């Protein structure tokens, strides 16, 4: 599907990389809180908080 846009070798390498990254969930960190001074939000919370920005 990506053949018109990406060389086959690159697409194969990318798929190999993605499949190697599916060993499990990544460990959680406190980086967001350390950088912003606030706890991180879930995507669901962010989406609810910003829903108005996406309404017509």
C-alpha atoms as a PDB file:
ATOM      1  CA  UNK A   1       0.000   0.000   0.000  1.00  0.00           C
ATOM      2  CA  UNK A   2       2.866   2.391   0.674  1.00  0.00           C
ATOM      3  CA  UNK A   3       4.932   1.282  -2.341  1.00  0.00           C
ATOM      4  CA  UNK A   4       4.266   4.497  -4.324  1.00  0.00           C
ATOM      5  CA  UNK A   5       5.617   6.568  -1.427  1.00  0.00           C
ATOM      6  CA  UNK A   6       8.266   4.527   0.380  1.00  0.00           C
ATOM      7  CA  UNK A   7      11.073   2.293  -0.914  1.00  0.00           C
ATOM      8  CA  UNK A   8      10.375  -1.374  -0.149  1.00  0.00           C
ATOM      9  CA  UNK A   9      13.476  -1.763   2.020  1.00  0.00           C
ATOM     10  CA  UNK A  10      12.433   1.162   4.200  1.00  0.00           C
ATOM     11  CA  UNK A  11       8.861  -0.102   4.522  1.00  0.00           C
ATOM     12  CA  UNK A  12      10.111  -3.562   5.522  1.00  0.00           C
ATOM     13  CA  UNK A  13      12.503  -2.070   8.096  1.00  0.00           C
ATOM     14  CA  UNK A  14       9.736   0.103   9.511  1.00  0.00           C
ATOM     15  CA  UNK A  15       7.358  -2.845   9.838  1.00  0.00           C
ATOM     16  CA  UNK A  16      10.117  -4.900  11.496  1.00  0.00           C
ATOM     17  CA  UNK A  17      10.727  -2.068  13.959  1.00  0.00           C
ATOM     18  CA  UNK A  18       7.034  -1.683  14.772  1.00  0.00           C
ATOM     19  CA  UNK A  19       6.618  -5.421  15.328  1.00  0.00           C
ATOM     20  CA  UNK A  20       9.609  -5.409  17.696  1.00  0.00           C
ATOM     21  CA  UNK A  21       7.993  -2.625  19.721  1.00  0.00           C
ATOM     22  CA  UNK A  22       4.889  -4.609  20.603  1.00  0.00           C
ATOM     23  CA  UNK A  23       6.430  -6.543  23.485  1.00  0.00           C
ATOM     24  CA  UNK A  24       4.191  -4.758  25.973  1.00  0.00           C
ATOM     25  CA  UNK A  25       3.266  -1.394  27.368  1.00  0.00           C
ATOM     26  CA  UNK A  26       5.986   1.171  27.859  1.00  0.00           C
ATOM     27  CA  UNK A  27       6.875   2.064  31.434  1.00  0.00           C
ATOM     28  CA  UNK A  28       5.155   5.137  32.816  1.00  0.00           C
ATOM     29  CA  UNK A  29       7.237   8.120  33.825  1.00  0.00           C
ATOM     30  CA  UNK A  30       6.606  11.388  35.644  1.00  0.00           C
ATOM     31  CA  UNK A  31       8.247  13.456  32.909  1.00  0.00           C
ATOM     32  CA  UNK A  32       5.121  15.475  32.048  1.00  0.00           C
ATOM     33  CA  UNK A  33       4.581  16.407  35.677  1.00  0.00           C
ATOM     34  CA  UNK A  34       8.266  17.245  36.136  1.00  0.00           C
ATOM     35  CA  UNK A  35       8.244  19.516  33.062  1.00  0.00           C
ATOM     36  CA  UNK A  36       4.851  21.178  33.521  1.00  0.00           C
ATOM     37  CA  UNK A  37       4.375  21.083  37.280  1.00  0.00           C
ATOM     38  CA  UNK A  38       1.017  19.334  36.760  1.00  0.00           C
ATOM     39  CA  UNK A  39       0.086  15.654  36.544  1.00  0.00           C
ATOM     40  CA  UNK A  40      -0.391  14.229  33.061  1.00  0.00           C
ATOM     41  CA  UNK A  41      -3.917  13.766  31.724  1.00  0.00           C
ATOM     42  CA  UNK A  42      -5.271  10.816  29.812  1.00  0.00           C
ATOM     43  CA  UNK A  43      -6.127  11.328  26.167  1.00  0.00           C
ATOM     44  CA  UNK A  44      -9.816  10.936  27.078  1.00  0.00           C
ATOM     45  CA  UNK A  45      -9.523  13.774  29.615  1.00  0.00           C
ATOM     46  CA  UNK A  46      -7.662  15.980  27.131  1.00  0.00           C
ATOM     47  CA  UNK A  47     -10.296  15.289  24.455  1.00  0.00           C
ATOM     48  CA  UNK A  48     -13.132  16.134  26.840  1.00  0.00           C
ATOM     49  CA  UNK A  49     -11.369  19.313  27.948  1.00  0.00           C
ATOM     50  CA  UNK A  50     -10.838  20.458  24.336  1.00  0.00           C
ATOM     51  CA  UNK A  51     -14.001  19.126  22.658  1.00  0.00           C
ATOM     52  CA  UNK A  52     -15.249  22.651  21.988  1.00  0.00           C
ATOM     53  CA  UNK A  53     -12.252  23.389  19.801  1.00  0.00           C
ATOM     54  CA  UNK A  54     -13.333  20.626  17.409  1.00  0.00           C
ATOM     55  CA  UNK A  55     -17.001  21.506  17.085  1.00  0.00           C
ATOM     56  CA  UNK A  56     -18.171  23.289  13.958  1.00  0.00           C
END
